[in-house]
Amino acid sequence: MKELALLIVFVLFFASTSLAAPAAPQMSYSLNGLNITIDWTTVPDATDYTLYYAAYPYHAGDTIYSMDNGNSTTFSIDLWYGVTYIAVSVGNAQGNSDYYNIKYFTIKNRRHSKEHEA
């Protein structure tokens, strides 16, 4: 009976401490023409980061692109002219987080862009 009680305490303790969702990273980005470079802070216990990007406005059936970025906290890609959303999801052994730091911006031409917070 004592072993069963210890097992229950052990399971409850570790379930409450290790099953927490990952914290939100701080994200920043820079634009250079059609190229965007995105950086974010390391999240404790994170095993992978996924970057999501999509055209704005989003319509049902449109594609939301994603890139598994492994454990790297930087990413660079060429996008298209227009407005684009970006977001980061953090993963660990318990699964993936919600989208963090959702931002959108307009790539007007190679000289001008406009940034927005979502």
C-alpha atoms as a PDB file:
ATOM      1  CA  MET A   1       0.000   0.000   0.000  1.00  0.00           C
ATOM      2  CA  LYS A   2       2.876   2.350   0.823  1.00  0.00           C
ATOM      3  CA  GLU A   3       4.405   1.733  -2.634  1.00  0.00           C
ATOM      4  CA  LEU A   4       1.097   2.558  -4.317  1.00  0.00           C
ATOM      5  CA  ALA A   5       0.824   5.828  -2.395  1.00  0.00           C
ATOM      6  CA  LEU A   6       4.395   6.771  -3.371  1.00  0.00           C
ATOM      7  CA  LEU A   7       3.690   5.909  -6.998  1.00  0.00           C
ATOM      8  CA  ILE A   8       0.599   8.134  -7.019  1.00  0.00           C
ATOM      9  CA  VAL A   9       2.533  11.055  -5.480  1.00  0.00           C
ATOM     10  CA  PHE A  10       5.363  10.561  -7.979  1.00  0.00           C
ATOM     11  CA  VAL A  11       2.996  10.512 -10.972  1.00  0.00           C
ATOM     12  CA  LEU A  12       1.050  13.558  -9.758  1.00  0.00           C
ATOM     13  CA  PHE A  13       4.226  15.544  -9.064  1.00  0.00           C
ATOM     14  CA  PHE A  14       5.860  14.855 -12.414  1.00  0.00           C
ATOM     15  CA  ALA A  15       2.634  15.179 -14.375  1.00  0.00           C
ATOM     16  CA  SER A  16       2.100  18.651 -12.962  1.00  0.00           C
ATOM     17  CA  THR A  17       5.686  19.821 -13.469  1.00  0.00           C
ATOM     18  CA  SER A  18       6.743  18.251 -16.761  1.00  0.00           C
ATOM     19  CA  LEU A  19       3.585  18.478 -18.854  1.00  0.00           C
ATOM     20  CA  ALA A  20       3.594  22.258 -19.061  1.00  0.00           C
ATOM     21  CA  ALA A  21       3.258  23.899 -22.449  1.00  0.00           C
ATOM     22  CA  PRO A  22       6.408  25.585 -23.744  1.00  0.00           C
ATOM     23  CA  ALA A  23       6.822  29.280 -23.023  1.00  0.00           C
ATOM     24  CA  ALA A  24       6.568  31.887 -25.773  1.00  0.00           C
ATOM     25  CA  PRO A  25       9.826  32.940 -27.453  1.00  0.00           C
ATOM     26  CA  GLN A  26      10.596  36.561 -28.244  1.00  0.00           C
ATOM     27  CA  MET A  27      10.662  36.955 -32.037  1.00  0.00           C
ATOM     28  CA  SER A  28      12.195  39.585 -34.289  1.00  0.00           C
ATOM     29  CA  TYR A  29      12.664  39.802 -38.034  1.00  0.00           C
ATOM     30  CA  SER A  30      14.259  41.906 -40.735  1.00  0.00           C
ATOM     31  CA  LEU A  31      13.307  42.396 -44.369  1.00  0.00           C
ATOM     32  CA  ASN A  32      15.701  42.826 -47.278  1.00  0.00           C
ATOM     33  CA  GLY A  33      13.734  42.984 -50.520  1.00  0.00           C
ATOM     34  CA  LEU A  34      11.748  39.759 -50.698  1.00  0.00           C
ATOM     35  CA  ASN A  35      13.968  38.037 -48.133  1.00  0.00           C
ATOM     36  CA  ILE A  36      12.928  37.803 -44.492  1.00  0.00           C
ATOM     37  CA  THR A  37      15.205  36.653 -41.689  1.00  0.00           C
ATOM     38  CA  ILE A  38      13.449  35.656 -38.481  1.00  0.00           C
ATOM     39  CA  ASP A  39      15.116  35.092 -35.113  1.00  0.00           C
ATOM     40  CA  TRP A  40      13.626  34.052 -31.785  1.00  0.00           C
ATOM     41  CA  THR A  41      14.871  33.310 -28.301  1.00  0.00           C
ATOM     42  CA  THR A  42      15.545  29.792 -27.080  1.00  0.00           C
ATOM     43  CA  VAL A  43      12.728  28.270 -25.022  1.00  0.00           C
ATOM     44  CA  PRO A  44      13.664  25.951 -22.119  1.00  0.00           C
ATOM     45  CA  ASP A  45      12.689  22.311 -22.759  1.00  0.00           C
ATOM     46  CA  ALA A  46      11.910  23.022 -26.434  1.00  0.00           C
ATOM     47  CA  THR A  47      12.960  20.270 -28.813  1.00  0.00           C
ATOM     48  CA  ASP A  48      11.843  21.907 -32.050  1.00  0.00           C
ATOM     49  CA  TYR A  49      10.506  25.113 -33.554  1.00  0.00           C
ATOM     50  CA  THR A  50       8.120  25.362 -36.493  1.00  0.00           C
ATOM     51  CA  LEU A  51       7.725  28.533 -38.527  1.00  0.00           C
ATOM     52  CA  TYR A  52       4.388  29.205 -40.261  1.00  0.00           C
ATOM     53  CA  TYR A  53       3.755  31.743 -43.010  1.00  0.00           C
ATOM     54  CA  ALA A  54       0.793  32.543 -45.234  1.00  0.00           C
ATOM     55  CA  ALA A  55      -0.588  35.208 -47.526  1.00  0.00           C
ATOM     56  CA  TYR A  56      -2.946  37.820 -46.083  1.00  0.00           C
ATOM     57  CA  PRO A  57      -5.888  37.955 -46.206  1.00  0.00           C
ATOM     58  CA  TYR A  58      -6.183  34.258 -45.553  1.00  0.00           C
ATOM     59  CA  HIS A  59      -9.116  32.517 -47.229  1.00  0.00           C
ATOM     60  CA  ALA A  60     -10.339  28.980 -46.540  1.00  0.00           C
ATOM     61  CA  GLY A  61      -8.432  26.645 -48.787  1.00  0.00           C
ATOM     62  CA  ASP A  62      -5.374  28.903 -49.022  1.00  0.00           C
ATOM     63  CA  THR A  63      -2.084  27.345 -48.101  1.00  0.00           C
ATOM     64  CA  ILE A  64      -0.423  27.931 -44.761  1.00  0.00           C
ATOM     65  CA  TYR A  65       3.211  27.036 -45.302  1.00  0.00           C
ATOM     66  CA  SER A  66       5.309  25.586 -42.522  1.00  0.00           C
ATOM     67  CA  MET A  67       8.957  24.827 -42.043  1.00  0.00           C
ATOM     68  CA  ASP A  68      10.252  22.512 -39.332  1.00  0.00           C
ATOM     69  CA  ASN A  69      13.268  24.392 -38.080  1.00  0.00           C
ATOM     70  CA  GLY A  70      14.580  21.683 -35.727  1.00  0.00           C
ATOM     71  CA  ASN A  71      16.221  23.286 -32.707  1.00  0.00           C
ATOM     72  CA  SER A  72      17.547  26.280 -34.671  1.00  0.00           C
ATOM     73  CA  THR A  73      16.247  29.708 -33.644  1.00  0.00           C
ATOM     74  CA  THR A  74      16.834  31.509 -36.935  1.00  0.00           C
ATOM     75  CA  PHE A  75      15.286  31.155 -40.370  1.00  0.00           C
ATOM     76  CA  SER A  76      15.570  32.968 -43.692  1.00  0.00           C
ATOM     77  CA  ILE A  77      13.361  32.682 -46.800  1.00  0.00           C
ATOM     78  CA  ASP A  78      12.377  34.619 -49.912  1.00  0.00           C
ATOM     79  CA  LEU A  79       8.693  35.527 -49.908  1.00  0.00           C
ATOM     80  CA  TRP A  80       6.369  37.255 -52.368  1.00  0.00           C
ATOM     81  CA  TYR A  81       5.133  40.806 -52.782  1.00  0.00           C
ATOM     82  CA  GLY A  82       2.036  41.545 -50.748  1.00  0.00           C
ATOM     83  CA  VAL A  83       1.029  40.997 -47.172  1.00  0.00           C
ATOM     84  CA  THR A  84       2.260  37.967 -45.271  1.00  0.00           C
ATOM     85  CA  TYR A  85       1.651  36.434 -41.827  1.00  0.00           C
ATOM     86  CA  ILE A  86       4.419  34.758 -39.831  1.00  0.00           C
ATOM     87  CA  ALA A  87       4.217  32.822 -36.557  1.00  0.00           C
ATOM     88  CA  VAL A  88       6.313  30.369 -34.516  1.00  0.00           C
ATOM     89  CA  SER A  89       5.188  27.213 -32.702  1.00  0.00           C
ATOM     90  CA  VAL A  90       7.368  25.543 -30.064  1.00  0.00           C
ATOM     91  CA  GLY A  91       7.420  21.768 -29.555  1.00  0.00           C
ATOM     92  CA  ASN A  92       8.581  19.408 -26.838  1.00  0.00           C
ATOM     93  CA  ALA A  93       7.788  15.868 -25.647  1.00  0.00           C
ATOM     94  CA  GLN A  94       4.261  16.951 -24.673  1.00  0.00           C
ATOM     95  CA  GLY A  95       3.396  18.329 -28.129  1.00  0.00           C
ATOM     96  CA  ASN A  96       3.332  21.703 -29.866  1.00  0.00           C
ATOM     97  CA  SER A  97       2.362  25.051 -28.449  1.00  0.00           C
ATOM     98  CA  ASP A  98      -0.088  27.524 -29.885  1.00  0.00           C
ATOM     99  CA  TYR A  99       1.212  30.011 -32.444  1.00  0.00           C
ATOM    100  CA  TYR A 100       3.374  32.680 -30.844  1.00  0.00           C
ATOM    101  CA  ASN A 101       4.252  36.187 -31.943  1.00  0.00           C
ATOM    102  CA  ILE A 102       1.916  36.316 -34.915  1.00  0.00           C
ATOM    103  CA  LYS A 103       2.983  39.226 -37.094  1.00  0.00           C
ATOM    104  CA  TYR A 104       2.086  40.420 -40.538  1.00  0.00           C
ATOM    105  CA  PHE A 105       3.737  42.845 -42.886  1.00  0.00           C
ATOM    106  CA  THR A 106       3.531  44.171 -46.428  1.00  0.00           C
ATOM    107  CA  ILE A 107       6.321  43.713 -48.969  1.00  0.00           C
ATOM    108  CA  LYS A 108       5.558  46.576 -51.356  1.00  0.00           C
ATOM    109  CA  ASN A 109       8.739  46.608 -53.381  1.00  0.00           C
ATOM    110  CA  ARG A 110      12.451  46.208 -52.810  1.00  0.00           C
ATOM    111  CA  ARG A 111      12.704  49.571 -51.034  1.00  0.00           C
ATOM    112  CA  HIS A 112       9.588  49.781 -48.871  1.00  0.00           C
ATOM    113  CA  SER A 113       7.801  47.522 -46.441  1.00  0.00           C
ATOM    114  CA  LYS A 114       5.231  48.081 -43.742  1.00  0.00           C
ATOM    115  CA  GLU A 115       5.136  46.133 -40.474  1.00  0.00           C
ATOM    116  CA  HIS A 116       2.024  45.272 -38.457  1.00  0.00           C
ATOM    117  CA  GLU A 117       1.328  43.501 -35.176  1.00  0.00           C
ATOM    118  CA  ALA A 118      -1.445  40.895 -35.213  1.00  0.00           C
END
